[in-house]
PDB file of all heavy atoms in Angstrom:
ATOM      1  N   VAL A   1       0.861  -1.157   0.023  1.00  0.00           N
ATOM      2  CA  VAL A   1       0.021   0.013  -0.017  1.00  0.00           C
ATOM      3  C   VAL A   1       0.899   1.234  -0.034  1.00  0.00           C
ATOM      4  O   VAL A   1       1.818   1.336   0.863  1.00  0.00           O
ATOM      5  CB  VAL A   1      -0.911   0.018   1.204  1.00  0.00           C
ATOM      6  CG1 VAL A   1      -1.759   1.326   1.262  1.00  0.00           C
ATOM      7  CG2 VAL A   1      -1.809  -1.193   1.241  1.00  0.00           C
ATOM      8  N   GLU A   2       0.717   2.100  -1.052  1.00  0.00           N
ATOM      9  CA  GLU A   2       1.537   3.307  -1.130  1.00  0.00           C
ATOM     10  C   GLU A   2       0.758   4.381  -1.868  1.00  0.00           C
ATOM     11  O   GLU A   2      -0.126   4.055  -2.595  1.00  0.00           O
ATOM     12  CB  GLU A   2       2.889   2.989  -1.775  1.00  0.00           C
ATOM     13  CG  GLU A   2       2.864   2.685  -3.223  1.00  0.00           C
ATOM     14  CD  GLU A   2       4.218   2.502  -3.877  1.00  0.00           C
ATOM     15  OE1 GLU A   2       5.173   2.197  -3.153  1.00  0.00           O
ATOM     16  OE2 GLU A   2       4.320   2.770  -5.039  1.00  0.00           O
ATOM     17  N   PRO A   3       1.221   5.637  -1.749  1.00  0.00           N
ATOM     18  CA  PRO A   3       0.575   6.714  -2.565  1.00  0.00           C
ATOM     19  C   PRO A   3       1.080   6.629  -4.017  1.00  0.00           C
ATOM     20  O   PRO A   3       2.053   5.995  -4.276  1.00  0.00           O
ATOM     21  CB  PRO A   3       0.994   8.007  -1.799  1.00  0.00           C
ATOM     22  CG  PRO A   3       2.278   7.580  -1.121  1.00  0.00           C
ATOM     23  CD  PRO A   3       2.146   6.181  -0.784  1.00  0.00           C
ATOM     24  N   ILE A   4       0.415   7.425  -4.872  1.00  0.00           N
ATOM     25  CA  ILE A   4       0.816   7.435  -6.294  1.00  0.00           C
ATOM     26  C   ILE A   4       2.250   7.899  -6.508  1.00  0.00           C
ATOM     27  O   ILE A   4       2.850   7.496  -7.513  1.00  0.00           O
ATOM     28  CB  ILE A   4      -0.161   8.331  -7.106  1.00  0.00           C
ATOM     29  CG1 ILE A   4       0.029   8.178  -8.639  1.00  0.00           C
ATOM     30  CG2 ILE A   4      -0.109   9.777  -6.716  1.00  0.00           C
ATOM     31  CD1 ILE A   4      -0.410   6.899  -9.253  1.00  0.00           C
ATOM     32  N   ASP A   5       2.811   8.573  -5.568  1.00  0.00           N
ATOM     33  CA  ASP A   5       4.246   8.937  -5.690  1.00  0.00           C
ATOM     34  C   ASP A   5       5.212   8.060  -4.809  1.00  0.00           C
ATOM     35  O   ASP A   5       6.318   8.432  -4.603  1.00  0.00           O
ATOM     36  CB  ASP A   5       4.403  10.434  -5.288  1.00  0.00           C
ATOM     37  CG  ASP A   5       4.014  10.749  -3.847  1.00  0.00           C
ATOM     38  OD1 ASP A   5       3.412   9.889  -3.191  1.00  0.00           O
ATOM     39  OD2 ASP A   5       4.350  11.880  -3.354  1.00  0.00           O
ATOM     40  N   GLY A   6       4.701   6.910  -4.460  1.00  0.00           N
ATOM     41  CA  GLY A   6       5.467   5.937  -3.697  1.00  0.00           C
ATOM     42  C   GLY A   6       6.594   5.331  -4.433  1.00  0.00           C
ATOM     43  O   GLY A   6       6.650   5.473  -5.709  1.00  0.00           O
ATOM     44  N   PRO A   7       7.474   4.563  -3.831  1.00  0.00           N
ATOM     45  CA  PRO A   7       8.575   3.931  -4.424  1.00  0.00           C
ATOM     46  C   PRO A   7       8.313   3.048  -5.564  1.00  0.00           C
ATOM     47  O   PRO A   7       9.016   3.118  -6.614  1.00  0.00           O
ATOM     48  CB  PRO A   7       9.268   3.204  -3.309  1.00  0.00           C
ATOM     49  CG  PRO A   7       8.751   3.778  -2.030  1.00  0.00           C
ATOM     50  CD  PRO A   7       7.383   4.298  -2.339  1.00  0.00           C
ATOM     51  N   MET A   8       7.332   2.207  -5.473  1.00  0.00           N
ATOM     52  CA  MET A   8       7.030   1.307  -6.616  1.00  0.00           C
ATOM     53  C   MET A   8       6.431   2.054  -7.722  1.00  0.00           C
ATOM     54  O   MET A   8       6.752   1.799  -8.935  1.00  0.00           O
ATOM     55  CB  MET A   8       6.142   0.138  -6.167  1.00  0.00           C
ATOM     56  CG  MET A   8       6.850  -0.881  -5.326  1.00  0.00           C
ATOM     57  SD  MET A   8       5.970  -2.409  -5.061  1.00  0.00           S
ATOM     58  CE  MET A   8       6.170  -3.172  -6.691  1.00  0.00           C
ATOM     59  N   CYS A   9       5.546   3.020  -7.473  1.00  0.00           N
ATOM     60  CA  CYS A   9       4.967   3.811  -8.592  1.00  0.00           C
ATOM     61  C   CYS A   9       6.031   4.552  -9.337  1.00  0.00           C
ATOM     62  O   CYS A   9       6.050   4.645 -10.587  1.00  0.00           O
ATOM     63  CB  CYS A   9       3.919   4.813  -8.026  1.00  0.00           C
ATOM     64  SG  CYS A   9       2.399   3.994  -7.556  1.00  0.00           S
ATOM     65  N   ARG A  10       7.047   5.115  -8.603  1.00  0.00           N
ATOM     66  CA  ARG A  10       8.134   5.809  -9.282  1.00  0.00           C
ATOM     67  C   ARG A  10       8.988   4.814 -10.097  1.00  0.00           C
ATOM     68  O   ARG A  10       9.369   5.124 -11.214  1.00  0.00           O
ATOM     69  CB  ARG A  10       8.983   6.522  -8.264  1.00  0.00           C
ATOM     70  CG  ARG A  10       8.391   7.734  -7.634  1.00  0.00           C
ATOM     71  CD  ARG A  10       9.341   8.631  -6.869  1.00  0.00           C
ATOM     72  NE  ARG A  10      10.068   7.885  -5.885  1.00  0.00           N
ATOM     73  CZ  ARG A  10       9.708   7.663  -4.604  1.00  0.00           C
ATOM     74  NH1 ARG A  10       8.563   8.186  -4.180  1.00  0.00           N
ATOM     75  NH2 ARG A  10      10.518   7.046  -3.782  1.00  0.00           N
ATOM     76  N   ALA A  11       9.233   3.660  -9.534  1.00  0.00           N
ATOM     77  CA  ALA A  11      10.095   2.628 -10.243  1.00  0.00           C
ATOM     78  C   ALA A  11       9.460   2.199 -11.540  1.00  0.00           C
ATOM     79  O   ALA A  11      10.128   1.840 -12.473  1.00  0.00           O
ATOM     80  CB  ALA A  11      10.383   1.444  -9.313  1.00  0.00           C
ATOM     81  N   PHE A  12       8.103   2.110 -11.569  1.00  0.00           N
ATOM     82  CA  PHE A  12       7.374   1.632 -12.712  1.00  0.00           C
ATOM     83  C   PHE A  12       6.838   2.775 -13.557  1.00  0.00           C
ATOM     84  O   PHE A  12       6.181   2.534 -14.585  1.00  0.00           O
ATOM     85  CB  PHE A  12       6.212   0.747 -12.285  1.00  0.00           C
ATOM     86  CG  PHE A  12       6.608  -0.664 -11.833  1.00  0.00           C
ATOM     87  CD1 PHE A  12       7.126  -0.906 -10.593  1.00  0.00           C
ATOM     88  CD2 PHE A  12       6.543  -1.751 -12.696  1.00  0.00           C
ATOM     89  CE1 PHE A  12       7.562  -2.153 -10.142  1.00  0.00           C
ATOM     90  CE2 PHE A  12       6.873  -3.019 -12.342  1.00  0.00           C
ATOM     91  CZ  PHE A  12       7.427  -3.193 -11.049  1.00  0.00           C
ATOM     92  N   GLY A  13       7.051   3.998 -13.185  1.00  0.00           N
ATOM     93  CA  GLY A  13       6.605   5.155 -13.952  1.00  0.00           C
ATOM     94  C   GLY A  13       5.021   5.246 -13.999  1.00  0.00           C
ATOM     95  O   GLY A  13       4.464   5.679 -14.953  1.00  0.00           O
ATOM     96  N   ILE A  14       4.372   4.857 -12.878  1.00  0.00           N
ATOM     97  CA  ILE A  14       2.914   4.835 -12.836  1.00  0.00           C
ATOM     98  C   ILE A  14       2.303   6.257 -12.764  1.00  0.00           C
ATOM     99  O   ILE A  14       2.724   7.047 -11.881  1.00  0.00           O
ATOM    100  CB  ILE A  14       2.401   3.988 -11.666  1.00  0.00           C
ATOM    101  CG1 ILE A  14       2.880   2.514 -11.822  1.00  0.00           C
ATOM    102  CG2 ILE A  14       0.860   3.993 -11.560  1.00  0.00           C
ATOM    103  CD1 ILE A  14       2.381   1.819 -13.054  1.00  0.00           C
ATOM    104  N   THR A  15       1.414   6.566 -13.645  1.00  0.00           N
ATOM    105  CA  THR A  15       0.755   7.861 -13.639  1.00  0.00           C
ATOM    106  C   THR A  15      -0.755   7.732 -13.498  1.00  0.00           C
ATOM    107  O   THR A  15      -1.486   8.729 -13.401  1.00  0.00           O
ATOM    108  CB  THR A  15       1.071   8.682 -14.926  1.00  0.00           C
ATOM    109  OG1 THR A  15       0.540   7.947 -16.040  1.00  0.00           O
ATOM    110  CG2 THR A  15       2.531   8.930 -15.032  1.00  0.00           C
ATOM    111  N   GLY A  16      -1.322   6.483 -13.486  1.00  0.00           N
ATOM    112  CA  GLY A  16      -2.714   6.263 -13.375  1.00  0.00           C
ATOM    113  C   GLY A  16      -2.915   4.753 -13.183  1.00  0.00           C
ATOM    114  O   GLY A  16      -2.016   3.931 -13.260  1.00  0.00           O
ATOM    115  N   THR A  17      -4.226   4.411 -12.889  1.00  0.00           N
ATOM    116  CA  THR A  17      -4.584   3.018 -12.687  1.00  0.00           C
ATOM    117  C   THR A  17      -5.856   2.736 -13.387  1.00  0.00           C
ATOM    118  O   THR A  17      -6.643   3.587 -13.705  1.00  0.00           O
ATOM    119  CB  THR A  17      -4.713   2.695 -11.175  1.00  0.00           C
ATOM    120  OG1 THR A  17      -5.725   3.574 -10.625  1.00  0.00           O
ATOM    121  CG2 THR A  17      -3.385   2.841 -10.483  1.00  0.00           C
ATOM    122  N   PRO A  18      -6.246   1.432 -13.638  1.00  0.00           N
ATOM    123  CA  PRO A  18      -5.413   0.227 -13.310  1.00  0.00           C
ATOM    124  C   PRO A  18      -4.345  -0.045 -14.309  1.00  0.00           C
ATOM    125  O   PRO A  18      -4.537   0.319 -15.520  1.00  0.00           O
ATOM    126  CB  PRO A  18      -6.500  -0.843 -13.356  1.00  0.00           C
ATOM    127  CG  PRO A  18      -7.492  -0.391 -14.380  1.00  0.00           C
ATOM    128  CD  PRO A  18      -7.534   1.089 -14.207  1.00  0.00           C
ATOM    129  N   VAL A  19      -3.268  -0.617 -13.917  1.00  0.00           N
ATOM    130  CA  VAL A  19      -2.185  -1.001 -14.788  1.00  0.00           C
ATOM    131  C   VAL A  19      -1.716  -2.390 -14.324  1.00  0.00           C
ATOM    132  O   VAL A  19      -1.565  -2.614 -13.113  1.00  0.00           O
ATOM    133  CB  VAL A  19      -1.031  -0.022 -14.743  1.00  0.00           C
ATOM    134  CG1 VAL A  19       0.186  -0.577 -15.555  1.00  0.00           C
ATOM    135  CG2 VAL A  19      -1.438   1.313 -15.248  1.00  0.00           C
ATOM    136  N   VAL A  20      -1.461  -3.277 -15.278  1.00  0.00           N
ATOM    137  CA  VAL A  20      -0.806  -4.558 -14.917  1.00  0.00           C
ATOM    138  C   VAL A  20       0.439  -4.660 -15.828  1.00  0.00           C
ATOM    139  O   VAL A  20       0.387  -4.438 -16.999  1.00  0.00           O
ATOM    140  CB  VAL A  20      -1.757  -5.785 -15.249  1.00  0.00           C
ATOM    141  CG1 VAL A  20      -1.003  -7.055 -15.020  1.00  0.00           C
ATOM    142  CG2 VAL A  20      -2.946  -5.692 -14.281  1.00  0.00           C
ATOM    143  N   VAL A  21       1.554  -4.923 -15.157  1.00  0.00           N
ATOM    144  CA  VAL A  21       2.865  -4.991 -15.817  1.00  0.00           C
ATOM    145  C   VAL A  21       3.406  -6.374 -15.569  1.00  0.00           C
ATOM    146  O   VAL A  21       3.393  -6.887 -14.431  1.00  0.00           O
ATOM    147  CB  VAL A  21       3.797  -3.948 -15.214  1.00  0.00           C
ATOM    148  CG1 VAL A  21       5.199  -4.096 -15.782  1.00  0.00           C
ATOM    149  CG2 VAL A  21       3.259  -2.555 -15.463  1.00  0.00           C
ATOM    150  N   THR A  22       3.926  -7.006 -16.623  1.00  0.00           N
ATOM    151  CA  THR A  22       4.667  -8.294 -16.454  1.00  0.00           C
ATOM    152  C   THR A  22       6.161  -8.044 -16.676  1.00  0.00           C
ATOM    153  O   THR A  22       6.444  -7.233 -17.514  1.00  0.00           O
ATOM    154  CB  THR A  22       4.150  -9.390 -17.356  1.00  0.00           C
ATOM    155  OG1 THR A  22       4.165  -8.973 -18.717  1.00  0.00           O
ATOM    156  CG2 THR A  22       2.671  -9.755 -16.975  1.00  0.00           C
ATOM    157  N   LEU A  23       6.943  -8.697 -15.897  1.00  0.00           N
ATOM    158  CA  LEU A  23       8.385  -8.535 -15.955  1.00  0.00           C
ATOM    159  C   LEU A  23       9.092  -9.863 -16.177  1.00  0.00           C
ATOM    160  O   LEU A  23       8.582 -10.911 -15.754  1.00  0.00           O
ATOM    161  CB  LEU A  23       8.870  -7.983 -14.601  1.00  0.00           C
ATOM    162  CG  LEU A  23       8.287  -6.726 -14.027  1.00  0.00           C
ATOM    163  CD1 LEU A  23       8.745  -6.563 -12.606  1.00  0.00           C
ATOM    164  CD2 LEU A  23       8.746  -5.561 -14.863  1.00  0.00           C
ATOM    165  N   ASP A  24      10.226  -9.771 -16.746  1.00  0.00           N
ATOM    166  CA  ASP A  24      11.180 -10.861 -16.688  1.00  0.00           C
ATOM    167  C   ASP A  24      12.456 -10.273 -16.067  1.00  0.00           C
ATOM    168  O   ASP A  24      13.158  -9.541 -16.726  1.00  0.00           O
ATOM    169  CB  ASP A  24      11.463 -11.394 -18.097  1.00  0.00           C
ATOM    170  CG  ASP A  24      12.375 -12.599 -18.105  1.00  0.00           C
ATOM    171  OD1 ASP A  24      12.653 -13.159 -16.917  1.00  0.00           O
ATOM    172  OD2 ASP A  24      12.704 -13.173 -19.135  1.00  0.00           O
ATOM    173  N   GLY A  25      12.663 -10.563 -14.801  1.00  0.00           N
ATOM    174  CA  GLY A  25      13.692  -9.862 -14.043  1.00  0.00           C
ATOM    175  C   GLY A  25      13.239  -8.405 -13.889  1.00  0.00           C
ATOM    176  O   GLY A  25      12.099  -8.187 -13.367  1.00  0.00           O
ATOM    177  N   ARG A  26      14.020  -7.434 -14.334  1.00  0.00           N
ATOM    178  CA  ARG A  26      13.630  -6.032 -14.159  1.00  0.00           C
ATOM    179  C   ARG A  26      13.139  -5.427 -15.485  1.00  0.00           C
ATOM    180  O   ARG A  26      12.763  -4.253 -15.543  1.00  0.00           O
ATOM    181  CB  ARG A  26      14.812  -5.240 -13.692  1.00  0.00           C
ATOM    182  CG  ARG A  26      15.195  -5.689 -12.219  1.00  0.00           C
ATOM    183  CD  ARG A  26      16.321  -4.897 -11.710  1.00  0.00           C
ATOM    184  NE  ARG A  26      15.982  -3.547 -11.689  1.00  0.00           N
ATOM    185  CZ  ARG A  26      16.521  -2.684 -10.795  1.00  0.00           C
ATOM    186  NH1 ARG A  26      17.348  -3.112  -9.960  1.00  0.00           N
ATOM    187  NH2 ARG A  26      16.189  -1.417 -10.807  1.00  0.00           N
ATOM    188  N   ARG A  27      13.041  -6.185 -16.533  1.00  0.00           N
ATOM    189  CA  ARG A  27      12.577  -5.697 -17.834  1.00  0.00           C
ATOM    190  C   ARG A  27      11.052  -5.912 -17.996  1.00  0.00           C
ATOM    191  O   ARG A  27      10.606  -7.002 -17.788  1.00  0.00           O
ATOM    192  CB  ARG A  27      13.336  -6.420 -18.949  1.00  0.00           C
ATOM    193  CG  ARG A  27      12.785  -6.073 -20.321  1.00  0.00           C
ATOM    194  CD  ARG A  27      13.698  -5.528 -21.328  1.00  0.00           C
ATOM    195  NE  ARG A  27      14.791  -4.729 -20.865  1.00  0.00           N
ATOM    196  CZ  ARG A  27      15.980  -4.675 -21.437  1.00  0.00           C
ATOM    197  NH1 ARG A  27      16.240  -5.435 -22.459  1.00  0.00           N
ATOM    198  NH2 ARG A  27      16.881  -3.917 -20.885  1.00  0.00           N
ATOM    199  N   ILE A  28      10.369  -4.902 -18.411  1.00  0.00           N
ATOM    200  CA  ILE A  28       8.919  -4.991 -18.668  1.00  0.00           C
ATOM    201  C   ILE A  28       8.733  -5.761 -19.968  1.00  0.00           C
ATOM    202  O   ILE A  28       9.239  -5.298 -21.033  1.00  0.00           O
ATOM    203  CB  ILE A  28       8.303  -3.595 -18.700  1.00  0.00           C
ATOM    204  CG1 ILE A  28       8.357  -2.933 -17.305  1.00  0.00           C
ATOM    205  CG2 ILE A  28       6.807  -3.680 -19.178  1.00  0.00           C
ATOM    206  CD1 ILE A  28       7.870  -1.478 -17.310  1.00  0.00           C
ATOM    207  N   THR A  29       7.989  -6.820 -19.854  1.00  0.00           N
ATOM    208  CA  THR A  29       7.633  -7.602 -21.113  1.00  0.00           C
ATOM    209  C   THR A  29       6.246  -7.302 -21.583  1.00  0.00           C
ATOM    210  O   THR A  29       5.889  -7.585 -22.695  1.00  0.00           O
ATOM    211  CB  THR A  29       7.783  -9.132 -20.802  1.00  0.00           C
ATOM    212  OG1 THR A  29       6.875  -9.531 -19.742  1.00  0.00           O
ATOM    213  CG2 THR A  29       9.214  -9.519 -20.525  1.00  0.00           C
ATOM    214  N   HIS A  30       5.380  -6.706 -20.710  1.00  0.00           N
ATOM    215  CA  HIS A  30       4.025  -6.324 -21.160  1.00  0.00           C
ATOM    216  C   HIS A  30       3.541  -5.268 -20.149  1.00  0.00           C
ATOM    217  O   HIS A  30       3.675  -5.421 -18.933  1.00  0.00           O
ATOM    218  CB  HIS A  30       3.111  -7.496 -21.104  1.00  0.00           C
ATOM    219  CG  HIS A  30       1.647  -7.143 -21.357  1.00  0.00           C
ATOM    220  ND1 HIS A  30       1.140  -6.962 -22.615  1.00  0.00           N
ATOM    221  CD2 HIS A  30       0.640  -6.919 -20.536  1.00  0.00           C
ATOM    222  CE1 HIS A  30      -0.115  -6.593 -22.585  1.00  0.00           C
ATOM    223  NE2 HIS A  30      -0.471  -6.581 -21.289  1.00  0.00           N
ATOM    224  N   ALA A  31       2.941  -4.180 -20.642  1.00  0.00           N
ATOM    225  CA  ALA A  31       2.315  -3.159 -19.833  1.00  0.00           C
ATOM    226  C   ALA A  31       0.934  -2.874 -20.374  1.00  0.00           C
ATOM    227  O   ALA A  31       0.876  -2.605 -21.573  1.00  0.00           O
ATOM    228  CB  ALA A  31       3.153  -1.850 -19.796  1.00  0.00           C
ATOM    229  N   GLY A  32      -0.030  -3.014 -19.572  1.00  0.00           N
ATOM    230  CA  GLY A  32      -1.378  -2.837 -20.141  1.00  0.00           C
ATOM    231  C   GLY A  32      -2.410  -2.213 -19.208  1.00  0.00           C
ATOM    232  O   GLY A  32      -2.271  -2.216 -18.051  1.00  0.00           O
ATOM    233  N   HIS A  33      -3.387  -1.580 -19.852  1.00  0.00           N
ATOM    234  CA  HIS A  33      -4.537  -0.960 -19.182  1.00  0.00           C
ATOM    235  C   HIS A  33      -5.695  -1.095 -20.125  1.00  0.00           C
ATOM    236  O   HIS A  33      -5.601  -0.710 -21.268  1.00  0.00           O
ATOM    237  CB  HIS A  33      -4.250   0.502 -18.887  1.00  0.00           C
ATOM    238  CG  HIS A  33      -5.497   1.297 -18.557  1.00  0.00           C
ATOM    239  ND1 HIS A  33      -6.117   1.236 -17.354  1.00  0.00           N
ATOM    240  CD2 HIS A  33      -6.220   2.137 -19.321  1.00  0.00           C
ATOM    241  CE1 HIS A  33      -7.164   1.993 -17.364  1.00  0.00           C
ATOM    242  NE2 HIS A  33      -7.239   2.602 -18.541  1.00  0.00           N
ATOM    243  N   PRO A  34      -6.824  -1.548 -19.701  1.00  0.00           N
ATOM    244  CA  PRO A  34      -7.081  -2.247 -18.429  1.00  0.00           C
ATOM    245  C   PRO A  34      -6.527  -3.625 -18.470  1.00  0.00           C
ATOM    246  O   PRO A  34      -5.960  -4.063 -19.499  1.00  0.00           O
ATOM    247  CB  PRO A  34      -8.574  -2.245 -18.261  1.00  0.00           C
ATOM    248  CG  PRO A  34      -9.060  -2.238 -19.672  1.00  0.00           C
ATOM    249  CD  PRO A  34      -8.081  -1.475 -20.494  1.00  0.00           C
TER     250      PRO A  34
END
């Protein structure tokens, strides 16, 4: 649980929701909404 400017949101570049991101390690393999 964090605010929109929290550490994970910053790490993933989140500017809105809902978003689902899949990773392989640290690389994004899919980013989608909804």
